């Protein structure tokens, strides 16, 4: 029981990857060349973890975070993600430069949803932002994705 959230976090990342491919055509999502995640250290030796680091067929990089949470995420999580991408790009990680571009899409998935301040900050920072909750991953095909821009 004490390790359930840690276990579910990793499993949830796998669920999100499967859902992305399943929803790709219906939601007109970008086509993924290679889905991945990244763990390592920046040039200062500080650890970081990127839940989503996916090379797209058009040369862009989709990055983002997957959170197994119970409360809506506040905007600090969005800024934390962007700061990690900056740190990686500054450390010479090639794909992070592409993930840092203004046209690079972001995908955030939070089981417990997002605070309005998170949604506003994320949408203001990039042209293509996908915000999914656990419910969005399993809603019927007839319902539109409310948080895609």
Protein backbone atom coordinates (compact mmCIF):
# COMPACT_ATOMS: atom_id res chain seq x y z
CA UNK A 1 0.00 0.00 0.00
CA UNK A 2 2.70 2.60 0.83
CA UNK A 3 4.29 2.11 -2.61
CA UNK A 4 1.06 2.17 -4.63
CA UNK A 5 1.37 5.81 -5.77
CA UNK A 6 4.95 5.28 -6.97
CA UNK A 7 3.92 2.16 -8.84
CA UNK A 8 0.85 3.84 -10.33
CA UNK A 9 2.94 6.81 -11.48
CA UNK A 10 5.00 4.57 -13.78
CA UNK A 11 1.98 2.57 -14.88
CA UNK A 12 0.09 5.78 -15.59
CA UNK A 13 2.91 6.88 -17.91
CA UNK A 14 2.41 3.67 -19.90
CA UNK A 15 -1.35 4.21 -19.99
CA UNK A 16 -0.80 7.74 -21.33
CA UNK A 17 1.49 6.51 -24.10
CA UNK A 18 -1.09 3.92 -25.17
CA UNK A 19 -3.87 6.52 -25.02
CA UNK A 20 -1.88 8.95 -27.15
CA UNK A 21 -1.59 6.42 -29.97
CA UNK A 22 -5.23 5.40 -29.56
CA UNK A 23 -6.46 9.00 -29.66
CA UNK A 24 -3.99 10.29 -32.28
CA UNK A 25 -6.25 10.16 -35.34
CA UNK A 26 -9.46 11.18 -33.56
CA UNK A 27 -7.90 14.25 -31.91
CA UNK A 28 -5.54 15.10 -34.80
CA UNK A 29 -2.53 14.77 -32.53
CA UNK A 30 0.96 15.07 -33.99
CA UNK A 31 2.46 11.82 -35.26
CA UNK A 32 5.10 10.33 -33.00
CA UNK A 33 8.27 8.90 -34.49
CA UNK A 34 9.61 7.68 -31.15
CA UNK A 35 7.99 7.91 -27.72
CA UNK A 36 10.26 8.17 -24.73
CA UNK A 37 11.06 9.57 -21.33
CA UNK A 38 14.33 10.99 -20.02
CA UNK A 39 16.14 10.63 -16.70
CA UNK A 40 19.55 12.00 -15.94
CA UNK A 41 21.47 15.00 -14.68
CA UNK A 42 21.97 18.48 -16.01
CA UNK A 43 25.40 20.03 -16.44
CA UNK A 44 25.44 20.97 -12.74
CA UNK A 45 24.83 17.37 -11.70
CA UNK A 46 21.26 18.03 -10.59
CA UNK A 47 18.88 15.14 -11.30
CA UNK A 48 15.81 15.57 -13.40
CA UNK A 49 13.15 13.42 -14.96
CA UNK A 50 11.04 14.11 -18.04
CA UNK A 51 7.93 11.91 -18.23
CA UNK A 52 7.39 12.60 -21.94
CA UNK A 53 10.10 13.26 -24.51
CA UNK A 54 8.75 12.16 -27.88
CA UNK A 55 10.31 12.83 -31.28
CA UNK A 56 7.62 13.77 -33.79
CA UNK A 57 7.72 12.94 -37.50
CA UNK A 58 7.74 16.65 -38.38
CA UNK A 59 11.00 17.23 -36.47
CA UNK A 60 9.44 18.79 -33.38
CA UNK A 61 9.64 17.29 -29.91
CA UNK A 62 6.61 16.74 -27.70
CA UNK A 63 7.45 17.02 -24.02
CA UNK A 64 5.38 16.95 -20.90
CA UNK A 65 4.50 15.46 -17.58
CA UNK A 66 2.28 12.67 -16.34
CA UNK A 67 1.07 12.99 -12.75
CA UNK A 68 -0.82 10.46 -10.69
CA UNK A 69 -2.42 13.10 -8.46
CA UNK A 70 -5.59 13.54 -6.44
CA UNK A 71 -5.70 17.37 -6.37
CA UNK A 72 -5.62 19.68 -9.37
CA UNK A 73 -2.08 20.68 -10.34
CA UNK A 74 -1.20 24.32 -9.86
CA UNK A 75 0.86 26.36 -12.30
CA UNK A 76 4.17 25.67 -10.54
CA UNK A 77 4.20 22.24 -12.25
CA UNK A 78 4.05 23.86 -15.68
CA UNK A 79 6.90 26.24 -14.86
CA UNK A 80 8.87 23.37 -13.32
CA UNK A 81 8.56 21.45 -16.58
CA UNK A 82 9.71 24.41 -18.69
CA UNK A 83 12.62 24.98 -16.32
CA UNK A 84 13.70 21.34 -16.73
CA UNK A 85 13.60 21.67 -20.52
CA UNK A 86 15.72 24.84 -20.25
CA UNK A 87 18.24 23.07 -18.00
CA UNK A 88 18.53 20.17 -20.43
CA UNK A 89 18.94 22.47 -23.43
CA UNK A 90 21.64 24.43 -21.55
CA UNK A 91 23.36 21.14 -20.78
CA UNK A 92 23.66 20.31 -24.47
CA UNK A 93 20.87 17.74 -24.73
CA UNK A 94 19.98 18.06 -28.42
CA UNK A 95 16.30 17.10 -28.30
CA UNK A 96 15.72 19.61 -25.47
CA UNK A 97 16.50 22.48 -27.86
CA UNK A 98 13.66 21.29 -30.10
CA UNK A 99 11.39 20.79 -27.07
CA UNK A 100 12.13 24.38 -26.07
CA UNK A 101 10.93 25.85 -29.38
CA UNK A 102 7.77 27.96 -29.35
CA UNK A 103 6.04 25.55 -31.76
CA UNK A 104 6.92 22.45 -29.72
CA UNK A 105 3.75 20.90 -28.30
CA UNK A 106 3.25 20.14 -24.63
CA UNK A 107 1.26 17.25 -23.19
CA UNK A 108 0.28 17.27 -19.55
CA UNK A 109 -1.76 14.46 -18.09
CA UNK A 110 -2.95 14.68 -14.49
CA UNK A 111 -5.26 12.08 -13.01
CA UNK A 112 -6.72 14.68 -10.65
CA UNK A 113 -6.94 17.49 -13.17
CA UNK A 114 -5.54 21.00 -13.36
CA UNK A 115 -6.17 24.27 -11.57
CA UNK A 116 -7.35 27.06 -13.85
CA UNK A 117 -4.06 28.87 -13.22
CA UNK A 118 -2.20 25.87 -14.64
CA UNK A 119 -4.38 25.79 -17.75
CA UNK A 120 -3.97 29.54 -18.29
CA UNK A 121 -0.19 29.47 -17.86
CA UNK A 122 0.28 26.44 -20.11
CA UNK A 123 -1.92 27.79 -22.89
CA UNK A 124 -0.21 31.20 -22.74
CA UNK A 125 3.22 29.62 -23.17
CA UNK A 126 2.76 27.51 -26.29
CA UNK A 127 0.67 27.24 -29.42
CA UNK A 128 -0.13 23.54 -28.96
CA UNK A 129 -0.98 22.38 -25.46
CA UNK A 130 -2.82 19.18 -24.58
CA UNK A 131 -4.25 18.88 -21.06
CA UNK A 132 -5.78 15.54 -20.20
CA UNK A 133 -7.27 14.14 -17.04
CA UNK A 134 -7.86 10.49 -16.29
CA UNK A 135 -11.44 10.96 -17.49
CA UNK A 136 -10.22 12.40 -20.83
CA UNK A 137 -8.27 9.22 -21.53
CA UNK A 138 -11.43 7.13 -21.46
CA UNK A 139 -14.28 9.37 -22.58
CA UNK A 140 -16.52 8.20 -25.41
CA UNK A 141 -15.48 9.07 -28.96
CA UNK A 142 -18.44 11.42 -29.43
CA UNK A 143 -17.21 13.87 -26.78
CA UNK A 144 -14.71 16.52 -27.83
CA UNK A 145 -11.38 16.99 -26.06
CA UNK A 146 -12.06 20.10 -23.98
CA UNK A 147 -8.47 21.00 -23.27
CA UNK A 148 -6.80 20.76 -26.63
CA UNK A 149 -5.73 23.88 -28.40
